[in-house]
Amino acid sequence: MATKEASVAELSDQFQNSNAALLTEYRGLTVAQLKQLRANIREHATYAVVKNTLTKIAANNAGITSFDDELAGPSAIAFVHGDTVAVAKALRDFAKANPLLVVKSGYFDGAPLTADEVTKLADLESREVLLAKAAGAMKATLTRAVYTINAPLSKAVRTVDALRDKQESAA
């Protein structure tokens, strides 16, 4: 009983201290495959095989009720403490190579996610790509602003040069 209470407390802490939690079913995967999956997501998440009843209690303690219907069969949760998109991509890619891994649902930023929404999350571009696109857009905007500010000045300079050339040719 004490170990179950400790397990519930540990799971509750993981739910509360993680950015996201992605619920999966791993039925049929070998220990070696699970080890490979853990290695793939180690930088951004921890992957834990969980008992359904204890997980349901821990999730409810953390204010998460979206997993209640999904906790059936062999379940494991990826507790994300880093980049959620990277973990979703790693799970999607692993599931493509190993169809026995099924992403059931998730919980991200205070909102429940369906399996389709986790897939959409995995389809997002990486943080670095999005930052590069934002920087490119800002640079383009600044370039247009500088051109707009310089246009009247350069027009005035060209007008003065044309007047000077006209006066020199008339003289």
N, C-alpha and C. Protein backbone atom coordinates (compact mmCIF):
# COMPACT_ATOMS: atom_id res chain seq x y z
N MET A 1 0.83 -1.19 0.00
CA MET A 1 0.00 0.00 0.00
C MET A 1 0.87 1.26 0.00
N ALA A 2 1.94 1.22 0.79
CA ALA A 2 2.83 2.37 0.86
C ALA A 2 3.54 2.60 -0.47
N THR A 3 3.90 1.51 -1.15
CA THR A 3 4.57 1.68 -2.45
C THR A 3 3.61 2.24 -3.49
N LYS A 4 2.33 1.85 -3.39
CA LYS A 4 1.35 2.38 -4.33
C LYS A 4 1.15 3.87 -4.09
N GLU A 5 1.10 4.28 -2.83
CA GLU A 5 0.96 5.71 -2.52
C GLU A 5 2.18 6.48 -2.99
N ALA A 6 3.36 5.90 -2.85
CA ALA A 6 4.58 6.54 -3.33
C ALA A 6 4.56 6.66 -4.85
N SER A 7 4.07 5.61 -5.52
CA SER A 7 3.98 5.64 -6.99
C SER A 7 3.01 6.72 -7.45
N VAL A 8 1.88 6.83 -6.78
CA VAL A 8 0.89 7.85 -7.13
C VAL A 8 1.47 9.24 -6.91
N ALA A 9 2.18 9.42 -5.80
CA ALA A 9 2.79 10.73 -5.52
C ALA A 9 3.85 11.08 -6.56
N GLU A 10 4.64 10.09 -6.96
CA GLU A 10 5.67 10.33 -7.97
C GLU A 10 5.05 10.68 -9.33
N LEU A 11 4.01 9.93 -9.71
CA LEU A 11 3.33 10.22 -10.97
C LEU A 11 2.66 11.60 -10.94
N SER A 12 2.06 11.96 -9.81
CA SER A 12 1.43 13.28 -9.68
C SER A 12 2.47 14.38 -9.86
N ASP A 13 3.64 14.19 -9.26
CA ASP A 13 4.72 15.17 -9.42
C ASP A 13 5.14 15.27 -10.88
N GLN A 14 5.24 14.13 -11.55
CA GLN A 14 5.64 14.17 -12.96
C GLN A 14 4.59 14.88 -13.81
N PHE A 15 3.32 14.65 -13.53
CA PHE A 15 2.28 15.36 -14.27
C PHE A 15 2.38 16.87 -14.04
N GLN A 16 2.61 17.27 -12.81
CA GLN A 16 2.63 18.69 -12.47
C GLN A 16 3.89 19.39 -12.95
N ASN A 17 5.02 18.67 -13.02
CA ASN A 17 6.29 19.30 -13.38
C ASN A 17 6.65 19.16 -14.85
N SER A 18 5.79 18.57 -15.65
CA SER A 18 6.12 18.40 -17.06
C SER A 18 5.33 19.39 -17.92
N ASN A 19 5.92 19.73 -19.07
CA ASN A 19 5.26 20.62 -20.02
C ASN A 19 4.06 19.94 -20.67
N ALA A 20 4.21 18.64 -20.90
CA ALA A 20 3.17 17.86 -21.57
C ALA A 20 3.31 16.40 -21.16
N ALA A 21 2.25 15.66 -21.39
CA ALA A 21 2.26 14.22 -21.16
C ALA A 21 1.59 13.56 -22.36
N LEU A 22 2.27 12.61 -22.95
CA LEU A 22 1.74 11.92 -24.14
C LEU A 22 1.54 10.45 -23.80
N LEU A 23 0.30 10.01 -23.86
CA LEU A 23 -0.08 8.65 -23.48
C LEU A 23 0.04 7.72 -24.69
N THR A 24 0.71 6.58 -24.49
CA THR A 24 0.90 5.63 -25.58
C THR A 24 0.53 4.22 -25.12
N GLU A 25 0.32 3.36 -26.10
CA GLU A 25 0.15 1.93 -25.84
C GLU A 25 1.33 1.23 -26.51
N TYR A 26 1.98 0.37 -25.77
CA TYR A 26 3.20 -0.26 -26.27
C TYR A 26 3.05 -1.77 -26.45
N ARG A 27 1.84 -2.28 -26.51
CA ARG A 27 1.58 -3.72 -26.59
C ARG A 27 2.36 -4.34 -27.75
N GLY A 28 3.19 -5.34 -27.44
CA GLY A 28 3.92 -6.06 -28.47
C GLY A 28 5.33 -5.57 -28.72
N LEU A 29 5.72 -4.45 -28.14
CA LEU A 29 7.08 -3.96 -28.33
C LEU A 29 8.04 -4.73 -27.42
N THR A 30 9.24 -4.94 -27.91
CA THR A 30 10.24 -5.64 -27.11
C THR A 30 10.93 -4.66 -26.17
N VAL A 31 11.65 -5.22 -25.23
CA VAL A 31 12.41 -4.38 -24.29
C VAL A 31 13.44 -3.55 -25.04
N ALA A 32 14.07 -4.14 -26.04
CA ALA A 32 15.07 -3.42 -26.84
C ALA A 32 14.43 -2.24 -27.58
N GLN A 33 13.22 -2.43 -28.11
CA GLN A 33 12.55 -1.34 -28.80
C GLN A 33 12.17 -0.22 -27.83
N LEU A 34 11.70 -0.59 -26.65
CA LEU A 34 11.38 0.44 -25.65
C LEU A 34 12.63 1.19 -25.22
N LYS A 35 13.73 0.47 -25.12
CA LYS A 35 15.00 1.11 -24.76
C LYS A 35 15.41 2.10 -25.85
N GLN A 36 15.22 1.72 -27.10
CA GLN A 36 15.55 2.61 -28.23
C GLN A 36 14.65 3.84 -28.20
N LEU A 37 13.36 3.66 -27.92
CA LEU A 37 12.43 4.78 -27.84
C LEU A 37 12.84 5.74 -26.72
N ARG A 38 13.18 5.19 -25.57
CA ARG A 38 13.63 6.04 -24.45
C ARG A 38 14.86 6.84 -24.85
N ALA A 39 15.79 6.20 -25.55
CA ALA A 39 17.00 6.90 -25.99
C ALA A 39 16.66 8.01 -26.98
N ASN A 40 15.67 7.79 -27.84
CA ASN A 40 15.28 8.79 -28.84
C ASN A 40 14.72 10.06 -28.21
N ILE A 41 14.02 9.92 -27.08
CA ILE A 41 13.36 11.09 -26.49
C ILE A 41 14.02 11.56 -25.19
N ARG A 42 15.12 10.93 -24.80
CA ARG A 42 15.77 11.21 -23.52
C ARG A 42 16.10 12.69 -23.32
N GLU A 43 16.46 13.39 -24.36
CA GLU A 43 16.86 14.80 -24.24
C GLU A 43 15.69 15.69 -23.78
N HIS A 44 14.48 15.34 -24.18
CA HIS A 44 13.33 16.20 -23.90
C HIS A 44 12.26 15.57 -23.02
N ALA A 45 12.35 14.26 -22.75
CA ALA A 45 11.27 13.62 -22.01
C ALA A 45 11.76 12.35 -21.32
N THR A 46 10.93 11.89 -20.38
CA THR A 46 11.13 10.58 -19.78
C THR A 46 9.93 9.72 -20.17
N TYR A 47 10.20 8.46 -20.42
CA TYR A 47 9.16 7.54 -20.87
C TYR A 47 8.98 6.47 -19.81
N ALA A 48 7.79 6.41 -19.24
CA ALA A 48 7.55 5.49 -18.13
C ALA A 48 6.37 4.58 -18.42
N VAL A 49 6.57 3.29 -18.20
CA VAL A 49 5.49 2.32 -18.26
C VAL A 49 4.74 2.47 -16.94
N VAL A 50 3.41 2.60 -17.03
CA VAL A 50 2.63 2.93 -15.84
C VAL A 50 1.48 1.95 -15.64
N LYS A 51 1.04 1.86 -14.40
CA LYS A 51 -0.16 1.09 -14.07
C LYS A 51 -1.36 2.01 -14.25
N ASN A 52 -2.36 1.53 -14.93
CA ASN A 52 -3.51 2.36 -15.30
C ASN A 52 -4.25 2.95 -14.11
N THR A 53 -4.54 2.15 -13.11
CA THR A 53 -5.33 2.67 -11.97
C THR A 53 -4.54 3.71 -11.19
N LEU A 54 -3.24 3.47 -10.99
CA LEU A 54 -2.42 4.44 -10.26
C LEU A 54 -2.26 5.72 -11.08
N THR A 55 -2.13 5.57 -12.38
CA THR A 55 -1.98 6.73 -13.26
C THR A 55 -3.26 7.56 -13.27
N LYS A 56 -4.39 6.90 -13.29
CA LYS A 56 -5.66 7.62 -13.26
C LYS A 56 -5.79 8.44 -11.98
N ILE A 57 -5.43 7.85 -10.86
CA ILE A 57 -5.48 8.57 -9.58
C ILE A 57 -4.50 9.74 -9.60
N ALA A 58 -3.28 9.51 -10.07
CA ALA A 58 -2.26 10.57 -10.09
C ALA A 58 -2.67 11.70 -11.04
N ALA A 59 -3.20 11.34 -12.21
CA ALA A 59 -3.63 12.36 -13.17
C ALA A 59 -4.76 13.19 -12.58
N ASN A 60 -5.72 12.53 -11.95
CA ASN A 60 -6.83 13.26 -11.32
C ASN A 60 -6.32 14.16 -10.20
N ASN A 61 -5.33 13.71 -9.44
CA ASN A 61 -4.73 14.55 -8.40
C ASN A 61 -4.08 15.80 -9.00
N ALA A 62 -3.55 15.65 -10.21
CA ALA A 62 -2.90 16.78 -10.89
C ALA A 62 -3.91 17.61 -11.68
N GLY A 63 -5.19 17.24 -11.64
CA GLY A 63 -6.21 18.01 -12.34
C GLY A 63 -6.41 17.60 -13.79
N ILE A 64 -5.93 16.43 -14.16
CA ILE A 64 -6.03 15.95 -15.54
C ILE A 64 -7.02 14.80 -15.57
N THR A 65 -8.14 15.02 -16.25
CA THR A 65 -9.16 13.96 -16.34
C THR A 65 -9.28 13.41 -17.76
N SER A 66 -8.51 13.94 -18.68
CA SER A 66 -8.64 13.54 -20.09
C SER A 66 -8.12 12.13 -20.35
N PHE A 67 -7.29 11.58 -19.47
CA PHE A 67 -6.74 10.24 -19.67
C PHE A 67 -7.67 9.15 -19.14
N ASP A 68 -8.72 9.49 -18.43
CA ASP A 68 -9.55 8.49 -17.76
C ASP A 68 -10.06 7.41 -18.70
N ASP A 69 -10.55 7.78 -19.87
CA ASP A 69 -11.11 6.81 -20.81
C ASP A 69 -10.03 6.08 -21.61
N GLU A 70 -8.85 6.66 -21.68
CA GLU A 70 -7.77 6.11 -22.51
C GLU A 70 -6.90 5.09 -21.77
N LEU A 71 -7.00 5.05 -20.46
CA LEU A 71 -6.14 4.17 -19.68
C LEU A 71 -6.68 2.74 -19.67
N ALA A 72 -6.37 2.02 -20.73
CA ALA A 72 -6.74 0.61 -20.86
C ALA A 72 -5.63 -0.08 -21.63
N GLY A 73 -5.33 -1.30 -21.24
CA GLY A 73 -4.25 -2.02 -21.89
C GLY A 73 -2.91 -1.54 -21.37
N PRO A 74 -1.83 -2.05 -21.95
CA PRO A 74 -0.50 -1.65 -21.50
C PRO A 74 -0.23 -0.18 -21.88
N SER A 75 -0.05 0.64 -20.88
CA SER A 75 0.10 2.08 -21.11
C SER A 75 1.48 2.57 -20.67
N ALA A 76 1.96 3.56 -21.38
CA ALA A 76 3.20 4.24 -21.02
C ALA A 76 3.00 5.72 -21.34
N ILE A 77 3.68 6.56 -20.57
CA ILE A 77 3.53 8.00 -20.74
C ILE A 77 4.89 8.64 -20.96
N ALA A 78 4.96 9.52 -21.94
CA ALA A 78 6.14 10.34 -22.15
C ALA A 78 5.89 11.66 -21.43
N PHE A 79 6.61 11.87 -20.33
CA PHE A 79 6.52 13.13 -19.58
C PHE A 79 7.53 14.08 -20.17
N VAL A 80 7.04 15.12 -20.84
CA VAL A 80 7.90 16.04 -21.58
C VAL A 80 8.37 17.16 -20.65
N HIS A 81 9.69 17.34 -20.58
CA HIS A 81 10.26 18.43 -19.80
C HIS A 81 11.05 19.39 -20.68
N GLY A 82 11.05 19.13 -21.98
CA GLY A 82 11.75 19.99 -22.94
C GLY A 82 10.82 20.38 -24.07
N ASP A 83 11.29 20.15 -25.29
CA ASP A 83 10.54 20.52 -26.49
C ASP A 83 9.45 19.48 -26.80
N THR A 84 8.20 19.88 -26.64
CA THR A 84 7.07 18.97 -26.85
C THR A 84 6.98 18.53 -28.31
N VAL A 85 7.25 19.44 -29.23
CA VAL A 85 7.17 19.11 -30.66
C VAL A 85 8.21 18.04 -31.01
N ALA A 86 9.40 18.16 -30.46
CA ALA A 86 10.45 17.18 -30.74
C ALA A 86 10.06 15.80 -30.24
N VAL A 87 9.44 15.73 -29.07
CA VAL A 87 9.01 14.45 -28.52
C VAL A 87 7.88 13.86 -29.37
N ALA A 88 6.92 14.71 -29.78
CA ALA A 88 5.83 14.24 -30.62
C ALA A 88 6.37 13.70 -31.95
N LYS A 89 7.37 14.38 -32.52
CA LYS A 89 7.98 13.91 -33.76
C LYS A 89 8.69 12.58 -33.56
N ALA A 90 9.41 12.46 -32.44
CA ALA A 90 10.13 11.22 -32.16
C ALA A 90 9.15 10.06 -31.99
N LEU A 91 8.04 10.30 -31.29
CA LEU A 91 7.03 9.24 -31.13
C LEU A 91 6.40 8.87 -32.47
N ARG A 92 6.10 9.88 -33.29
CA ARG A 92 5.51 9.62 -34.61
C ARG A 92 6.47 8.81 -35.48
N ASP A 93 7.74 9.22 -35.49
CA ASP A 93 8.72 8.52 -36.32
C ASP A 93 8.95 7.09 -35.83
N PHE A 94 8.98 6.91 -34.51
CA PHE A 94 9.15 5.57 -33.95
C PHE A 94 7.94 4.71 -34.28
N ALA A 95 6.75 5.30 -34.21
CA ALA A 95 5.52 4.56 -34.51
C ALA A 95 5.47 4.16 -35.98
N LYS A 96 6.05 4.97 -36.87
CA LYS A 96 6.10 4.59 -38.29
C LYS A 96 6.99 3.36 -38.48
N ALA A 97 8.10 3.34 -37.77
CA ALA A 97 9.02 2.22 -37.88
C ALA A 97 8.53 1.00 -37.10
N ASN A 98 7.78 1.25 -36.02
CA ASN A 98 7.27 0.18 -35.15
C ASN A 98 5.78 0.40 -34.95
N PRO A 99 4.94 -0.12 -35.83
CA PRO A 99 3.50 0.16 -35.78
C PRO A 99 2.81 -0.31 -34.50
N LEU A 100 3.49 -1.08 -33.67
CA LEU A 100 2.88 -1.54 -32.43
C LEU A 100 2.77 -0.41 -31.40
N LEU A 101 3.54 0.64 -31.56
CA LEU A 101 3.42 1.80 -30.67
C LEU A 101 2.26 2.66 -31.17
N VAL A 102 1.31 2.92 -30.28
CA VAL A 102 0.14 3.71 -30.63
C VAL A 102 0.06 4.90 -29.68
N VAL A 103 0.03 6.10 -30.25
CA VAL A 103 -0.17 7.30 -29.44
C VAL A 103 -1.67 7.46 -29.25
N LYS A 104 -2.10 7.41 -27.98
CA LYS A 104 -3.53 7.45 -27.68
C LYS A 104 -4.04 8.88 -27.51
N SER A 105 -3.34 9.66 -26.72
CA SER A 105 -3.77 11.03 -26.45
C SER A 105 -2.64 11.77 -25.76
N GLY A 106 -2.92 12.99 -25.36
CA GLY A 106 -1.92 13.78 -24.68
C GLY A 106 -2.55 14.88 -23.87
N TYR A 107 -1.71 15.57 -23.16
CA TYR A 107 -2.12 16.72 -22.36
C TYR A 107 -1.00 17.74 -22.49
N PHE A 108 -1.33 18.93 -23.03
CA PHE A 108 -0.31 19.94 -23.31
C PHE A 108 -0.83 21.31 -22.97
N ASP A 109 -0.09 22.04 -22.18
CA ASP A 109 -0.39 23.44 -21.86
C ASP A 109 -1.80 23.60 -21.29
N GLY A 110 -2.17 22.69 -20.41
CA GLY A 110 -3.47 22.79 -19.75
C GLY A 110 -4.65 22.31 -20.56
N ALA A 111 -4.41 21.70 -21.71
CA ALA A 111 -5.51 21.25 -22.56
C ALA A 111 -5.29 19.81 -23.00
N PRO A 112 -6.36 19.03 -23.04
CA PRO A 112 -6.23 17.65 -23.53
C PRO A 112 -6.04 17.63 -25.04
N LEU A 113 -5.31 16.62 -25.51
CA LEU A 113 -5.05 16.45 -26.94
C LEU A 113 -5.54 15.07 -27.38
N THR A 114 -6.13 15.02 -28.55
CA THR A 114 -6.47 13.72 -29.13
C THR A 114 -5.23 13.19 -29.85
N ALA A 115 -5.32 11.95 -30.31
CA ALA A 115 -4.20 11.37 -31.05
C ALA A 115 -3.93 12.16 -32.33
N ASP A 116 -4.99 12.64 -32.99
CA ASP A 116 -4.82 13.45 -34.21
C ASP A 116 -4.12 14.77 -33.90
N GLU A 117 -4.45 15.37 -32.79
CA GLU A 117 -3.82 16.64 -32.40
C GLU A 117 -2.34 16.44 -32.06
N VAL A 118 -2.01 15.30 -31.48
CA VAL A 118 -0.60 14.99 -31.22
C VAL A 118 0.14 14.84 -32.55
N THR A 119 -0.51 14.23 -33.55
CA THR A 119 0.08 14.10 -34.88
C THR A 119 0.29 15.47 -35.51
N LYS A 120 -0.69 16.35 -35.37
CA LYS A 120 -0.55 17.72 -35.91
C LYS A 120 0.59 18.45 -35.21
N LEU A 121 0.73 18.22 -33.92
CA LEU A 121 1.83 18.82 -33.16
C LEU A 121 3.17 18.32 -33.70
N ALA A 122 3.22 17.04 -34.04
CA ALA A 122 4.45 16.47 -34.59
C ALA A 122 4.76 17.01 -35.97
N ASP A 123 3.73 17.46 -36.70
CA ASP A 123 3.94 17.99 -38.04
C ASP A 123 4.45 19.43 -38.05
N LEU A 124 4.45 20.09 -36.90
CA LEU A 124 4.98 21.45 -36.83
C LEU A 124 6.47 21.45 -37.13
N GLU A 125 6.93 22.57 -37.66
CA GLU A 125 8.36 22.68 -37.91
C GLU A 125 9.09 22.89 -36.58
N SER A 126 10.37 22.63 -36.59
CA SER A 126 11.15 22.74 -35.36
C SER A 126 11.23 24.20 -34.90
N ARG A 127 11.56 24.36 -33.66
CA ARG A 127 11.66 25.69 -33.05
C ARG A 127 12.66 26.56 -33.82
N GLU A 128 13.79 25.96 -34.21
CA GLU A 128 14.83 26.71 -34.90
C GLU A 128 14.34 27.21 -36.26
N VAL A 129 13.59 26.38 -36.97
CA VAL A 129 13.06 26.77 -38.29
C VAL A 129 12.05 27.91 -38.11
N LEU A 130 11.17 27.79 -37.13
CA LEU A 130 10.19 28.85 -36.89
C LEU A 130 10.86 30.16 -36.50
N LEU A 131 11.91 30.08 -35.67
CA LEU A 131 12.64 31.29 -35.29
C LEU A 131 13.34 31.91 -36.50
N ALA A 132 13.90 31.07 -37.37
CA ALA A 132 14.56 31.58 -38.57
C ALA A 132 13.57 32.27 -39.50
N LYS A 133 12.37 31.69 -39.64
CA LYS A 133 11.34 32.32 -40.47
C LYS A 133 10.91 33.66 -39.87
N ALA A 134 10.77 33.72 -38.56
CA ALA A 134 10.38 34.97 -37.91
C ALA A 134 11.47 36.02 -38.10
N ALA A 135 12.74 35.62 -37.97
CA ALA A 135 13.84 36.56 -38.17
C ALA A 135 13.87 37.07 -39.61
N GLY A 136 13.63 36.18 -40.57
CA GLY A 136 13.59 36.60 -41.97
C GLY A 136 12.46 37.58 -42.24
N ALA A 137 11.31 37.34 -41.63
CA ALA A 137 10.18 38.25 -41.82
C ALA A 137 10.49 39.62 -41.21
N MET A 138 11.13 39.62 -40.04
CA MET A 138 11.49 40.91 -39.41
C MET A 138 12.52 41.65 -40.25
N LYS A 139 13.49 40.92 -40.81
CA LYS A 139 14.51 41.56 -41.63
C LYS A 139 13.88 42.18 -42.87
N ALA A 140 12.96 41.48 -43.49
CA ALA A 140 12.29 42.01 -44.69
C ALA A 140 11.50 43.26 -44.34
N THR A 141 10.82 43.26 -43.21
CA THR A 141 10.05 44.43 -42.78
C THR A 141 10.97 45.61 -42.53
N LEU A 142 12.09 45.37 -41.88
CA LEU A 142 13.04 46.46 -41.62
C LEU A 142 13.64 46.99 -42.91
N THR A 143 13.93 46.11 -43.85
CA THR A 143 14.48 46.55 -45.13
C THR A 143 13.49 47.44 -45.87
N ARG A 144 12.22 47.06 -45.86
CA ARG A 144 11.19 47.90 -46.50
C ARG A 144 11.08 49.25 -45.78
N ALA A 145 11.17 49.25 -44.47
CA ALA A 145 11.07 50.50 -43.71
C ALA A 145 12.23 51.43 -44.05
N VAL A 146 13.43 50.87 -44.12
CA VAL A 146 14.60 51.69 -44.47
C VAL A 146 14.45 52.24 -45.87
N TYR A 147 13.98 51.44 -46.82
CA TYR A 147 13.79 51.91 -48.19
C TYR A 147 12.76 53.03 -48.23
N THR A 148 11.68 52.89 -47.47
CA THR A 148 10.63 53.91 -47.45
C THR A 148 11.16 55.22 -46.88
N ILE A 149 11.97 55.13 -45.86
CA ILE A 149 12.53 56.34 -45.24
C ILE A 149 13.55 56.99 -46.17
N ASN A 150 14.37 56.18 -46.86
CA ASN A 150 15.41 56.73 -47.74
C ASN A 150 14.89 57.21 -49.08
N ALA A 151 13.74 56.74 -49.51
CA ALA A 151 13.23 57.09 -50.84
C ALA A 151 13.08 58.59 -51.05
N PRO A 152 12.44 59.35 -50.14
CA PRO A 152 12.33 60.80 -50.38
C PRO A 152 13.69 61.51 -50.41
N LEU A 153 14.62 61.06 -49.58
CA LEU A 153 15.95 61.68 -49.57
C LEU A 153 16.68 61.43 -50.87
N SER A 154 16.65 60.21 -51.36
CA SER A 154 17.35 59.91 -52.62
C SER A 154 16.66 60.61 -53.79
N LYS A 155 15.33 60.75 -53.72
CA LYS A 155 14.62 61.49 -54.78
C LYS A 155 15.03 62.96 -54.78
N ALA A 156 15.17 63.51 -53.58
CA ALA A 156 15.59 64.92 -53.48
C ALA A 156 17.00 65.09 -54.02
N VAL A 157 17.89 64.16 -53.72
CA VAL A 157 19.27 64.24 -54.22
C VAL A 157 19.29 64.13 -55.74
N ARG A 158 18.50 63.23 -56.30
CA ARG A 158 18.45 63.10 -57.76
C ARG A 158 17.88 64.36 -58.41
N THR A 159 16.88 64.98 -57.76
CA THR A 159 16.29 66.21 -58.29
C THR A 159 17.32 67.34 -58.28
N VAL A 160 18.07 67.46 -57.19
CA VAL A 160 19.11 68.51 -57.11
C VAL A 160 20.18 68.27 -58.15
N ASP A 161 20.59 67.00 -58.34
CA ASP A 161 21.59 66.69 -59.36
C ASP A 161 21.08 67.03 -60.76
N ALA A 162 19.81 66.73 -61.04
CA ALA A 162 19.24 67.04 -62.34
C ALA A 162 19.18 68.55 -62.56
N LEU A 163 18.81 69.32 -61.53
CA LEU A 163 18.79 70.77 -61.65
C LEU A 163 20.20 71.32 -61.90
N ARG A 164 21.17 70.77 -61.17
CA ARG A 164 22.54 71.24 -61.35
C ARG A 164 23.03 70.93 -62.76
N ASP A 165 22.72 69.71 -63.25
CA ASP A 165 23.13 69.34 -64.62
C ASP A 165 22.45 70.26 -65.64
N LYS A 166 21.19 70.60 -65.41
CA LYS A 166 20.45 71.47 -66.31
C LYS A 166 21.05 72.86 -66.31
N GLN A 167 21.42 73.38 -65.15
CA GLN A 167 22.02 74.71 -65.07
C GLN A 167 23.39 74.73 -65.71
N GLU A 168 24.15 73.66 -65.53
CA GLU A 168 25.50 73.59 -66.12
C GLU A 168 25.41 73.51 -67.64
N SER A 169 24.43 72.78 -68.15
CA SER A 169 24.30 72.67 -69.60
C SER A 169 23.73 73.97 -70.21
N ALA A 170 22.94 74.72 -69.42
CA ALA A 170 22.40 75.97 -69.91
C ALA A 170 23.46 77.06 -69.88
N ALA A 171 24.42 76.94 -69.01
CA ALA A 171 25.44 77.97 -68.89
C ALA A 171 26.56 77.84 -69.85
